Amino acid sequence: MVALTEETMAEMDEPRSVPSPQAVLKEFDESSIVLEARFWIDDPSSRRVWGAKSAFIQAIKGAFDREGISIAYPQRVLAARDEGGEVGPHAEHGSLTPATDGGE
């Protein structure tokens, strides 16, 4: 993932070759690994920086798609309890309240 990101950025016209573009693994998140892409451009006006960021994101996403690397999106699973406190298919009958980790 890091090598693919760096290769993709290096192939683009926007970044300077010195220092070379870098990809750094920053941290583990809830359902992902955070990757920071670093690059340097000449004459970095606000417009050029935002344009370069947009181009890099599109190119990196395209490279990930070609290699079958998916970007995880946060997902939540909701369960319901019936009046008797059961969770699951039997909870379809009766009034439903959200399930919580700490009981009621």
PDB file of N, CA and C in Angstrom:
ATOM      1  N   MET A   1       0.827  -1.182   0.000  1.00  0.00           N
ATOM      2  CA  MET A   1       0.000   0.000   0.000  1.00  0.00           C
ATOM      3  C   MET A   1       0.880   1.257   0.000  1.00  0.00           C
ATOM      4  N   VAL A   2       1.900   1.281   0.848  1.00  0.00           N
ATOM      5  CA  VAL A   2       2.806   2.424   0.906  1.00  0.00           C
ATOM      6  C   VAL A   2       3.578   2.553  -0.404  1.00  0.00           C
ATOM      7  N   ALA A   3       4.139   1.444  -0.876  1.00  0.00           N
ATOM      8  CA  ALA A   3       4.923   1.474  -2.113  1.00  0.00           C
ATOM      9  C   ALA A   3       4.057   1.891  -3.299  1.00  0.00           C
ATOM     10  N   LEU A   4       2.848   1.372  -3.387  1.00  0.00           N
ATOM     11  CA  LEU A   4       1.944   1.721  -4.479  1.00  0.00           C
ATOM     12  C   LEU A   4       1.610   3.209  -4.447  1.00  0.00           C
ATOM     13  N   THR A   5       1.376   3.753  -3.270  1.00  0.00           N
ATOM     14  CA  THR A   5       1.071   5.175  -3.130  1.00  0.00           C
ATOM     15  C   THR A   5       2.257   6.028  -3.577  1.00  0.00           C
ATOM     16  N   GLU A   6       3.453   5.661  -3.137  1.00  0.00           N
ATOM     17  CA  GLU A   6       4.650   6.418  -3.521  1.00  0.00           C
ATOM     18  C   GLU A   6       4.909   6.323  -5.019  1.00  0.00           C
ATOM     19  N   GLU A   7       4.750   5.147  -5.595  1.00  0.00           N
ATOM     20  CA  GLU A   7       4.943   4.972  -7.037  1.00  0.00           C
ATOM     21  C   GLU A   7       3.948   5.820  -7.828  1.00  0.00           C
ATOM     22  N   THR A   8       2.700   5.812  -7.380  1.00  0.00           N
ATOM     23  CA  THR A   8       1.656   6.576  -8.064  1.00  0.00           C
ATOM     24  C   THR A   8       1.963   8.066  -8.019  1.00  0.00           C
ATOM     25  N   MET A   9       2.368   8.569  -6.861  1.00  0.00           N
ATOM     26  CA  MET A   9       2.680   9.992  -6.748  1.00  0.00           C
ATOM     27  C   MET A   9       3.898  10.358  -7.596  1.00  0.00           C
ATOM     28  N   ALA A  10       4.910   9.491  -7.625  1.00  0.00           N
ATOM     29  CA  ALA A  10       6.134   9.779  -8.377  1.00  0.00           C
ATOM     30  C   ALA A  10       5.881   9.844  -9.883  1.00  0.00           C
ATOM     31  N   GLU A  11       4.866   9.133 -10.361  1.00  0.00           N
ATOM     32  CA  GLU A  11       4.541   9.120 -11.791  1.00  0.00           C
ATOM     33  C   GLU A  11       3.800  10.385 -12.242  1.00  0.00           C
ATOM     34  N   MET A  12       3.335  11.173 -11.309  1.00  0.00           N
ATOM     35  CA  MET A  12       2.553  12.356 -11.657  1.00  0.00           C
ATOM     36  C   MET A  12       3.464  13.545 -11.967  1.00  0.00           C
ATOM     37  N   ASP A  13       2.909  14.556 -12.658  1.00  0.00           N
ATOM     38  CA  ASP A  13       3.680  15.739 -13.041  1.00  0.00           C
ATOM     39  C   ASP A  13       3.851  16.751 -11.910  1.00  0.00           C
ATOM     40  N   GLU A  14       2.896  16.811 -10.975  1.00  0.00           N
ATOM     41  CA  GLU A  14       2.888  17.865  -9.972  1.00  0.00           C
ATOM     42  C   GLU A  14       4.025  17.827  -8.959  1.00  0.00           C
ATOM     43  N   PRO A  15       4.394  16.654  -8.419  1.00  0.00           N
ATOM     44  CA  PRO A  15       5.353  16.702  -7.312  1.00  0.00           C
ATOM     45  C   PRO A  15       6.779  16.969  -7.768  1.00  0.00           C
ATOM     46  N   ARG A  16       7.527  17.575  -6.855  1.00  0.00           N
ATOM     47  CA  ARG A  16       8.968  17.730  -7.079  1.00  0.00           C
ATOM     48  C   ARG A  16       9.625  16.377  -6.856  1.00  0.00           C
ATOM     49  N   SER A  17      10.720  16.146  -7.535  1.00  0.00           N
ATOM     50  CA  SER A  17      11.421  14.869  -7.352  1.00  0.00           C
ATOM     51  C   SER A  17      12.312  14.901  -6.111  1.00  0.00           C
ATOM     52  N   VAL A  18      12.699  16.101  -5.664  1.00  0.00           N
ATOM     53  CA  VAL A  18      13.509  16.231  -4.440  1.00  0.00           C
ATOM     54  C   VAL A  18      12.845  17.258  -3.540  1.00  0.00           C
ATOM     55  N   PRO A  19      12.452  16.927  -2.351  1.00  0.00           N
ATOM     56  CA  PRO A  19      12.402  15.567  -1.808  1.00  0.00           C
ATOM     57  C   PRO A  19      11.323  14.753  -2.521  1.00  0.00           C
ATOM     58  N   SER A  20      11.526  13.462  -2.560  1.00  0.00           N
ATOM     59  CA  SER A  20      10.602  12.583  -3.270  1.00  0.00           C
ATOM     60  C   SER A  20       9.300  12.425  -2.483  1.00  0.00           C
ATOM     61  N   PRO A  21       8.203  12.151  -3.184  1.00  0.00           N
ATOM     62  CA  PRO A  21       6.928  11.913  -2.483  1.00  0.00           C
ATOM     63  C   PRO A  21       7.067  10.746  -1.507  1.00  0.00           C
ATOM     64  N   GLN A  22       6.369  10.842  -0.395  1.00  0.00           N
ATOM     65  CA  GLN A  22       6.429   9.802   0.636  1.00  0.00           C
ATOM     66  C   GLN A  22       5.032   9.408   1.060  1.00  0.00           C
ATOM     67  N   ALA A  23       4.878   8.157   1.434  1.00  0.00           N
ATOM     68  CA  ALA A  23       3.656   7.667   2.068  1.00  0.00           C
ATOM     69  C   ALA A  23       4.062   7.127   3.426  1.00  0.00           C
ATOM     70  N   VAL A  24       3.330   7.526   4.455  1.00  0.00           N
ATOM     71  CA  VAL A  24       3.675   7.146   5.824  1.00  0.00           C
ATOM     72  C   VAL A  24       2.441   6.556   6.490  1.00  0.00           C
ATOM     73  N   LEU A  25       2.600   5.390   7.107  1.00  0.00           N
ATOM     74  CA  LEU A  25       1.516   4.815   7.888  1.00  0.00           C
ATOM     75  C   LEU A  25       1.461   5.567   9.218  1.00  0.00           C
ATOM     76  N   LYS A  26       0.329   6.198   9.493  1.00  0.00           N
ATOM     77  CA  LYS A  26       0.222   7.075  10.661  1.00  0.00           C
ATOM     78  C   LYS A  26      -0.325   6.379  11.904  1.00  0.00           C
ATOM     79  N   GLU A  27      -1.435   5.614  11.745  1.00  0.00           N
ATOM     80  CA  GLU A  27      -2.063   5.038  12.929  1.00  0.00           C
ATOM     81  C   GLU A  27      -3.130   4.032  12.537  1.00  0.00           C
ATOM     82  N   PHE A  28      -3.566   3.251  13.526  1.00  0.00           N
ATOM     83  CA  PHE A  28      -4.735   2.401  13.374  1.00  0.00           C
ATOM     84  C   PHE A  28      -5.936   3.218  13.805  1.00  0.00           C
ATOM     85  N   ASP A  29      -7.001   3.146  13.032  1.00  0.00           N
ATOM     86  CA  ASP A  29      -8.251   3.811  13.390  1.00  0.00           C
ATOM     87  C   ASP A  29      -9.284   2.724  13.660  1.00  0.00           C
ATOM     88  N   GLU A  30     -10.544   3.094  13.872  1.00  0.00           N
ATOM     89  CA  GLU A  30     -11.583   2.118  14.203  1.00  0.00           C
ATOM     90  C   GLU A  30     -11.625   0.953  13.226  1.00  0.00           C
ATOM     91  N   SER A  31     -11.660   1.250  11.941  1.00  0.00           N
ATOM     92  CA  SER A  31     -11.759   0.177  10.954  1.00  0.00           C
ATOM     93  C   SER A  31     -10.801   0.414   9.791  1.00  0.00           C
ATOM     94  N   SER A  32      -9.658   1.046  10.069  1.00  0.00           N
ATOM     95  CA  SER A  32      -8.742   1.364   8.978  1.00  0.00           C
ATOM     96  C   SER A  32      -7.328   1.590   9.493  1.00  0.00           C
ATOM     97  N   ILE A  33      -6.426   1.688   8.540  1.00  0.00           N
ATOM     98  CA  ILE A  33      -5.056   2.128   8.803  1.00  0.00           C
ATOM     99  C   ILE A  33      -4.929   3.476   8.110  1.00  0.00           C
ATOM    100  N   VAL A  34      -4.500   4.493   8.840  1.00  0.00           N
ATOM    101  CA  VAL A  34      -4.411   5.841   8.279  1.00  0.00           C
ATOM    102  C   VAL A  34      -3.071   6.001   7.570  1.00  0.00           C
ATOM    103  N   LEU A  35      -3.139   6.394   6.309  1.00  0.00           N
ATOM    104  CA  LEU A  35      -1.969   6.584   5.463  1.00  0.00           C
ATOM    105  C   LEU A  35      -1.873   8.064   5.125  1.00  0.00           C
ATOM    106  N   GLU A  36      -0.704   8.653   5.328  1.00  0.00           N
ATOM    107  CA  GLU A  36      -0.496  10.055   4.984  1.00  0.00           C
ATOM    108  C   GLU A  36       0.406  10.129   3.764  1.00  0.00           C
ATOM    109  N   ALA A  37      -0.071  10.806   2.719  1.00  0.00           N
ATOM    110  CA  ALA A  37       0.715  10.992   1.502  1.00  0.00           C
ATOM    111  C   ALA A  37       1.348  12.375   1.558  1.00  0.00           C
ATOM    112  N   ARG A  38       2.658  12.420   1.444  1.00  0.00           N
ATOM    113  CA  ARG A  38       3.396  13.687   1.513  1.00  0.00           C
ATOM    114  C   ARG A  38       4.046  13.972   0.167  1.00  0.00           C
ATOM    115  N   PHE A  39       3.893  15.207  -0.302  1.00  0.00           N
ATOM    116  CA  PHE A  39       4.492  15.600  -1.566  1.00  0.00           C
ATOM    117  C   PHE A  39       4.800  17.085  -1.526  1.00  0.00           C
ATOM    118  N   TRP A  40       5.683  17.509  -2.388  1.00  0.00           N
ATOM    119  CA  TRP A  40       6.089  18.900  -2.459  1.00  0.00           C
ATOM    120  C   TRP A  40       5.879  19.376  -3.889  1.00  0.00           C
ATOM    121  N   ILE A  41       5.387  20.618  -4.038  1.00  0.00           N
ATOM    122  CA  ILE A  41       5.171  21.176  -5.367  1.00  0.00           C
ATOM    123  C   ILE A  41       5.877  22.527  -5.464  1.00  0.00           C
ATOM    124  N   ASP A  42       6.161  22.955  -6.689  1.00  0.00           N
ATOM    125  CA  ASP A  42       6.747  24.272  -6.914  1.00  0.00           C
ATOM    126  C   ASP A  42       5.658  25.333  -6.810  1.00  0.00           C
ATOM    127  N   ASP A  43       6.033  26.532  -6.356  1.00  0.00           N
ATOM    128  CA  ASP A  43       5.110  27.672  -6.258  1.00  0.00           C
ATOM    129  C   ASP A  43       3.772  27.273  -5.626  1.00  0.00           C
ATOM    130  N   PRO A  44       3.774  26.868  -4.354  1.00  0.00           N
ATOM    131  CA  PRO A  44       2.570  26.318  -3.725  1.00  0.00           C
ATOM    132  C   PRO A  44       1.518  27.367  -3.324  1.00  0.00           C
ATOM    133  N   SER A  45       0.809  27.906  -4.308  1.00  0.00           N
ATOM    134  CA  SER A  45      -0.322  28.782  -3.992  1.00  0.00           C
ATOM    135  C   SER A  45      -1.473  27.908  -3.489  1.00  0.00           C
ATOM    136  N   SER A  46      -2.450  28.504  -2.860  1.00  0.00           N
ATOM    137  CA  SER A  46      -3.603  27.737  -2.363  1.00  0.00           C
ATOM    138  C   SER A  46      -4.265  26.949  -3.482  1.00  0.00           C
ATOM    139  N   ARG A  47      -4.449  27.588  -4.623  1.00  0.00           N
ATOM    140  CA  ARG A  47      -5.104  26.927  -5.754  1.00  0.00           C
ATOM    141  C   ARG A  47      -4.283  25.721  -6.239  1.00  0.00           C
ATOM    142  N   ARG A  48      -2.973  25.882  -6.334  1.00  0.00           N
ATOM    143  CA  ARG A  48      -2.118  24.776  -6.804  1.00  0.00           C
ATOM    144  C   ARG A  48      -2.068  23.638  -5.787  1.00  0.00           C
ATOM    145  N   VAL A  49      -2.046  23.969  -4.497  1.00  0.00           N
ATOM    146  CA  VAL A  49      -2.021  22.933  -3.460  1.00  0.00           C
ATOM    147  C   VAL A  49      -3.305  22.110  -3.516  1.00  0.00           C
ATOM    148  N   TRP A  50      -4.457  22.780  -3.547  1.00  0.00           N
ATOM    149  CA  TRP A  50      -5.737  22.053  -3.585  1.00  0.00           C
ATOM    150  C   TRP A  50      -5.879  21.259  -4.872  1.00  0.00           C
ATOM    151  N   GLY A  51      -5.422  21.820  -5.988  1.00  0.00           N
ATOM    152  CA  GLY A  51      -5.464  21.091  -7.250  1.00  0.00           C
ATOM    153  C   GLY A  51      -4.597  19.842  -7.211  1.00  0.00           C
ATOM    154  N   ALA A  52      -3.396  19.972  -6.646  1.00  0.00           N
ATOM    155  CA  ALA A  52      -2.486  18.826  -6.534  1.00  0.00           C
ATOM    156  C   ALA A  52      -3.066  17.767  -5.595  1.00  0.00           C
ATOM    157  N   LYS A  53      -3.622  18.185  -4.461  1.00  0.00           N
ATOM    158  CA  LYS A  53      -4.232  17.224  -3.526  1.00  0.00           C
ATOM    159  C   LYS A  53      -5.333  16.440  -4.212  1.00  0.00           C
ATOM    160  N   SER A  54      -6.192  17.138  -4.928  1.00  0.00           N
ATOM    161  CA  SER A  54      -7.295  16.487  -5.625  1.00  0.00           C
ATOM    162  C   SER A  54      -6.767  15.486  -6.655  1.00  0.00           C
ATOM    163  N   ALA A  55      -5.761  15.890  -7.428  1.00  0.00           N
ATOM    164  CA  ALA A  55      -5.186  15.004  -8.444  1.00  0.00           C
ATOM    165  C   ALA A  55      -4.546  13.775  -7.801  1.00  0.00           C
ATOM    166  N   PHE A  56      -3.836  13.969  -6.689  1.00  0.00           N
ATOM    167  CA  PHE A  56      -3.203  12.845  -6.005  1.00  0.00           C
ATOM    168  C   PHE A  56      -4.242  11.870  -5.470  1.00  0.00           C
ATOM    169  N   ILE A  57      -5.280  12.386  -4.836  1.00  0.00           N
ATOM    170  CA  ILE A  57      -6.318  11.512  -4.277  1.00  0.00           C
ATOM    171  C   ILE A  57      -6.958  10.682  -5.386  1.00  0.00           C
ATOM    172  N   GLN A  58      -7.282  11.318  -6.502  1.00  0.00           N
ATOM    173  CA  GLN A  58      -7.889  10.587  -7.614  1.00  0.00           C
ATOM    174  C   GLN A  58      -6.934   9.527  -8.164  1.00  0.00           C
ATOM    175  N   ALA A  59      -5.669   9.866  -8.330  1.00  0.00           N
ATOM    176  CA  ALA A  59      -4.693   8.916  -8.871  1.00  0.00           C
ATOM    177  C   ALA A  59      -4.460   7.744  -7.910  1.00  0.00           C
ATOM    178  N   ILE A  60      -4.350   8.031  -6.615  1.00  0.00           N
ATOM    179  CA  ILE A  60      -4.116   6.982  -5.623  1.00  0.00           C
ATOM    180  C   ILE A  60      -5.333   6.072  -5.534  1.00  0.00           C
ATOM    181  N   LYS A  61      -6.529   6.647  -5.529  1.00  0.00           N
ATOM    182  CA  LYS A  61      -7.761   5.842  -5.498  1.00  0.00           C
ATOM    183  C   LYS A  61      -7.829   4.949  -6.734  1.00  0.00           C
ATOM    184  N   GLY A  62      -7.483   5.481  -7.911  1.00  0.00           N
ATOM    185  CA  GLY A  62      -7.475   4.680  -9.131  1.00  0.00           C
ATOM    186  C   GLY A  62      -6.475   3.538  -9.051  1.00  0.00           C
ATOM    187  N   ALA A  63      -5.300   3.803  -8.505  1.00  0.00           N
ATOM    188  CA  ALA A  63      -4.273   2.758  -8.348  1.00  0.00           C
ATOM    189  C   ALA A  63      -4.749   1.679  -7.378  1.00  0.00           C
ATOM    190  N   PHE A  64      -5.368   2.097  -6.267  1.00  0.00           N
ATOM    191  CA  PHE A  64      -5.905   1.127  -5.304  1.00  0.00           C
ATOM    192  C   PHE A  64      -6.978   0.266  -5.963  1.00  0.00           C
ATOM    193  N   ASP A  65      -7.871   0.880  -6.722  1.00  0.00           N
ATOM    194  CA  ASP A  65      -8.930   0.131  -7.411  1.00  0.00           C
ATOM    195  C   ASP A  65      -8.332  -0.910  -8.360  1.00  0.00           C
ATOM    196  N   ARG A  66      -7.339  -0.511  -9.142  1.00  0.00           N
ATOM    197  CA  ARG A  66      -6.697  -1.436 -10.090  1.00  0.00           C
ATOM    198  C   ARG A  66      -6.053  -2.623  -9.375  1.00  0.00           C
ATOM    199  N   GLU A  67      -5.527  -2.383  -8.177  1.00  0.00           N
ATOM    200  CA  GLU A  67      -4.856  -3.444  -7.420  1.00  0.00           C
ATOM    201  C   GLU A  67      -5.799  -4.203  -6.486  1.00  0.00           C
ATOM    202  N   GLY A  68      -7.079  -3.843  -6.496  1.00  0.00           N
ATOM    203  CA  GLY A  68      -8.050  -4.532  -5.642  1.00  0.00           C
ATOM    204  C   GLY A  68      -7.965  -4.149  -4.179  1.00  0.00           C
ATOM    205  N   ILE A  69      -7.396  -2.983  -3.874  1.00  0.00           N
ATOM    206  CA  ILE A  69      -7.312  -2.503  -2.490  1.00  0.00           C
ATOM    207  C   ILE A  69      -8.550  -1.657  -2.227  1.00  0.00           C
ATOM    208  N   SER A  70      -9.373  -2.088  -1.286  1.00  0.00           N
ATOM    209  CA  SER A  70     -10.592  -1.335  -0.988  1.00  0.00           C
ATOM    210  C   SER A  70     -10.376  -0.430   0.217  1.00  0.00           C
ATOM    211  N   ILE A  71     -11.106   0.652   0.226  1.00  0.00           N
ATOM    212  CA  ILE A  71     -11.057   1.595   1.336  1.00  0.00           C
ATOM    213  C   ILE A  71     -12.267   1.307   2.214  1.00  0.00           C
ATOM    214  N   ALA A  72     -11.992   0.960   3.451  1.00  0.00           N
ATOM    215  CA  ALA A  72     -13.076   0.597   4.373  1.00  0.00           C
ATOM    216  C   ALA A  72     -13.868   1.828   4.792  1.00  0.00           C
ATOM    217  N   TYR A  73     -15.148   1.631   4.913  1.00  0.00           N
ATOM    218  CA  TYR A  73     -16.021   2.684   5.415  1.00  0.00           C
ATOM    219  C   TYR A  73     -16.591   2.215   6.736  1.00  0.00           C
ATOM    220  N   PRO A  74     -16.731   3.122   7.703  1.00  0.00           N
ATOM    221  CA  PRO A  74     -17.265   2.709   9.004  1.00  0.00           C
ATOM    222  C   PRO A  74     -18.654   2.094   8.852  1.00  0.00           C
ATOM    223  N   GLN A  75     -18.891   1.017   9.577  1.00  0.00           N
ATOM    224  CA  GLN A  75     -20.189   0.368   9.567  1.00  0.00           C
ATOM    225  C   GLN A  75     -20.655   0.181  10.998  1.00  0.00           C
ATOM    226  N   ARG A  76     -21.936   0.306  11.208  1.00  0.00           N
ATOM    227  CA  ARG A  76     -22.531   0.076  12.517  1.00  0.00           C
ATOM    228  C   ARG A  76     -23.571  -1.026  12.388  1.00  0.00           C
ATOM    229  N   VAL A  77     -23.598  -1.922  13.356  1.00  0.00           N
ATOM    230  CA  VAL A  77     -24.602  -2.970  13.391  1.00  0.00           C
ATOM    231  C   VAL A  77     -25.522  -2.656  14.559  1.00  0.00           C
ATOM    232  N   LEU A  78     -26.800  -2.552  14.267  1.00  0.00           N
ATOM    233  CA  LEU A  78     -27.778  -2.267  15.297  1.00  0.00           C
ATOM    234  C   LEU A  78     -28.543  -3.534  15.634  1.00  0.00           C
ATOM    235  N   ALA A  79     -28.710  -3.788  16.910  1.00  0.00           N
ATOM    236  CA  ALA A  79     -29.512  -4.923  17.366  1.00  0.00           C
ATOM    237  C   ALA A  79     -30.635  -4.369  18.219  1.00  0.00           C
ATOM    238  N   ALA A  80     -31.732  -5.087  18.253  1.00  0.00           N
ATOM    239  CA  ALA A  80     -32.880  -4.628  19.034  1.00  0.00           C
ATOM    240  C   ALA A  80     -33.228  -5.679  20.076  1.00  0.00           C
ATOM    241  N   ARG A  81     -33.791  -5.227  21.183  1.00  0.00           N
ATOM    242  CA  ARG A  81     -34.247  -6.125  22.248  1.00  0.00           C
ATOM    243  C   ARG A  81     -35.752  -6.019  22.366  1.00  0.00           C
ATOM    244  N   ASP A  82     -36.395  -7.154  22.610  1.00  0.00           N
ATOM    245  CA  ASP A  82     -37.821  -7.096  22.860  1.00  0.00           C
ATOM    246  C   ASP A  82     -38.040  -6.763  24.333  1.00  0.00           C
ATOM    247  N   GLU A  83     -39.277  -6.739  24.757  1.00  0.00           N
ATOM    248  CA  GLU A  83     -39.580  -6.364  26.152  1.00  0.00           C
ATOM    249  C   GLU A  83     -38.956  -7.325  27.152  1.00  0.00           C
ATOM    250  N   GLY A  84     -38.696  -8.565  26.740  1.00  0.00           N
ATOM    251  CA  GLY A  84     -38.089  -9.552  27.629  1.00  0.00           C
ATOM    252  C   GLY A  84     -36.574  -9.486  27.639  1.00  0.00           C
ATOM    253  N   GLY A  85     -35.972  -8.590  26.846  1.00  0.00           N
ATOM    254  CA  GLY A  85     -34.530  -8.426  26.838  1.00  0.00           C
ATOM    255  C   GLY A  85     -33.805  -9.288  25.828  1.00  0.00           C
ATOM    256  N   GLU A  86     -34.562 -10.065  24.999  1.00  0.00           N
ATOM    257  CA  GLU A  86     -33.915 -10.918  24.004  1.00  0.00           C
ATOM    258  C   GLU A  86     -33.468 -10.104  22.798  1.00  0.00           C
ATOM    259  N   VAL A  87     -32.312 -10.469  22.278  1.00  0.00           N
ATOM    260  CA  VAL A  87     -31.786  -9.831  21.077  1.00  0.00           C
ATOM    261  C   VAL A  87     -31.823 -10.860  19.958  1.00  0.00           C
ATOM    262  N   GLY A  88     -32.260 -10.456  18.792  1.00  0.00           N
ATOM    263  CA  GLY A  88     -32.232 -11.366  17.652  1.00  0.00           C
ATOM    264  C   GLY A  88     -33.576 -11.503  16.988  1.00  0.00           C
ATOM    265  N   PRO A  89     -33.799 -12.647  16.295  1.00  0.00           N
ATOM    266  CA  PRO A  89     -35.011 -12.802  15.492  1.00  0.00           C
ATOM    267  C   PRO A  89     -36.289 -12.757  16.319  1.00  0.00           C
ATOM    268  N   HIS A  90     -36.223 -13.165  17.603  1.00  0.00           N
ATOM    269  CA  HIS A  90     -37.421 -13.137  18.443  1.00  0.00           C
ATOM    270  C   HIS A  90     -37.774 -11.719  18.859  1.00  0.00           C
ATOM    271  N   ALA A  91     -36.866 -10.788  18.679  1.00  0.00           N
ATOM    272  CA  ALA A  91     -37.109  -9.409  19.087  1.00  0.00           C
ATOM    273  C   ALA A  91     -38.027  -8.687  18.107  1.00  0.00           C
ATOM    274  N   GLU A  92     -38.478  -9.384  17.051  1.00  0.00           N
ATOM    275  CA  GLU A  92     -39.354  -8.755  16.063  1.00  0.00           C
ATOM    276  C   GLU A  92     -40.726  -8.444  16.643  1.00  0.00           C
ATOM    277  N   HIS A  93     -41.122  -9.133  17.687  1.00  0.00           N
ATOM    278  CA  HIS A  93     -42.447  -8.934  18.274  1.00  0.00           C
ATOM    279  C   HIS A  93     -42.330  -8.079  19.522  1.00  0.00           C
ATOM    280  N   GLY A  94     -43.284  -7.228  19.734  1.00  0.00           N
ATOM    281  CA  GLY A  94     -43.264  -6.372  20.920  1.00  0.00           C
ATOM    282  C   GLY A  94     -42.545  -5.066  20.635  1.00  0.00           C
ATOM    283  N   SER A  95     -42.396  -4.239  21.658  1.00  0.00           N
ATOM    284  CA  SER A  95     -41.726  -2.950  21.463  1.00  0.00           C
ATOM    285  C   SER A  95     -40.221  -3.170  21.441  1.00  0.00           C
ATOM    286  N   LEU A  96     -39.536  -2.367  20.647  1.00  0.00           N
ATOM    287  CA  LEU A  96     -38.102  -2.524  20.487  1.00  0.00           C
ATOM    288  C   LEU A  96     -37.374  -1.349  21.098  1.00  0.00           C
ATOM    289  N   THR A  97     -36.272  -1.622  21.762  1.00  0.00           N
ATOM    290  CA  THR A  97     -35.419  -0.566  22.289  1.00  0.00           C
ATOM    291  C   THR A  97     -34.000  -0.858  21.825  1.00  0.00           C
ATOM    292  N   PRO A  98     -33.187   0.182  21.631  1.00  0.00           N
ATOM    293  CA  PRO A  98     -31.816  -0.045  21.153  1.00  0.00           C
ATOM    294  C   PRO A  98     -31.006  -0.867  22.160  1.00  0.00           C
ATOM    295  N   ALA A  99     -30.174  -1.758  21.659  1.00  0.00           N
ATOM    296  CA  ALA A  99     -29.272  -2.533  22.500  1.00  0.00           C
ATOM    297  C   ALA A  99     -28.070  -1.657  22.865  1.00  0.00           C
ATOM    298  N   THR A 100     -27.562  -1.808  24.063  1.00  0.00           N
ATOM    299  CA  THR A 100     -26.371  -1.082  24.483  1.00  0.00           C
ATOM    300  C   THR A 100     -25.394  -2.045  25.106  1.00  0.00           C
ATOM    301  N   ASP A 101     -24.160  -1.625  25.230  1.00  0.00           N
ATOM    302  CA  ASP A 101     -23.150  -2.492  25.820  1.00  0.00           C
ATOM    303  C   ASP A 101     -23.336  -2.669  27.320  1.00  0.00           C
ATOM    304  N   GLY A 102     -23.920  -1.701  27.980  1.00  0.00           N
ATOM    305  CA  GLY A 102     -24.006  -1.729  29.428  1.00  0.00           C
ATOM    306  C   GLY A 102     -25.345  -2.195  29.945  1.00  0.00           C
ATOM    307  N   GLY A 103     -26.098  -2.973  29.216  1.00  0.00           N
ATOM    308  CA  GLY A 103     -27.408  -3.420  29.690  1.00  0.00           C
ATOM    309  C   GLY A 103     -28.480  -2.514  29.164  1.00  0.00           C
ATOM    310  N   GLU A 104     -29.322  -2.020  30.058  1.00  0.00           N
ATOM    311  CA  GLU A 104     -30.452  -1.203  29.614  1.00  0.00           C
ATOM    312  C   GLU A 104     -30.095   0.231  29.441  1.00  0.00           C
TER     313      GLU A 104
END
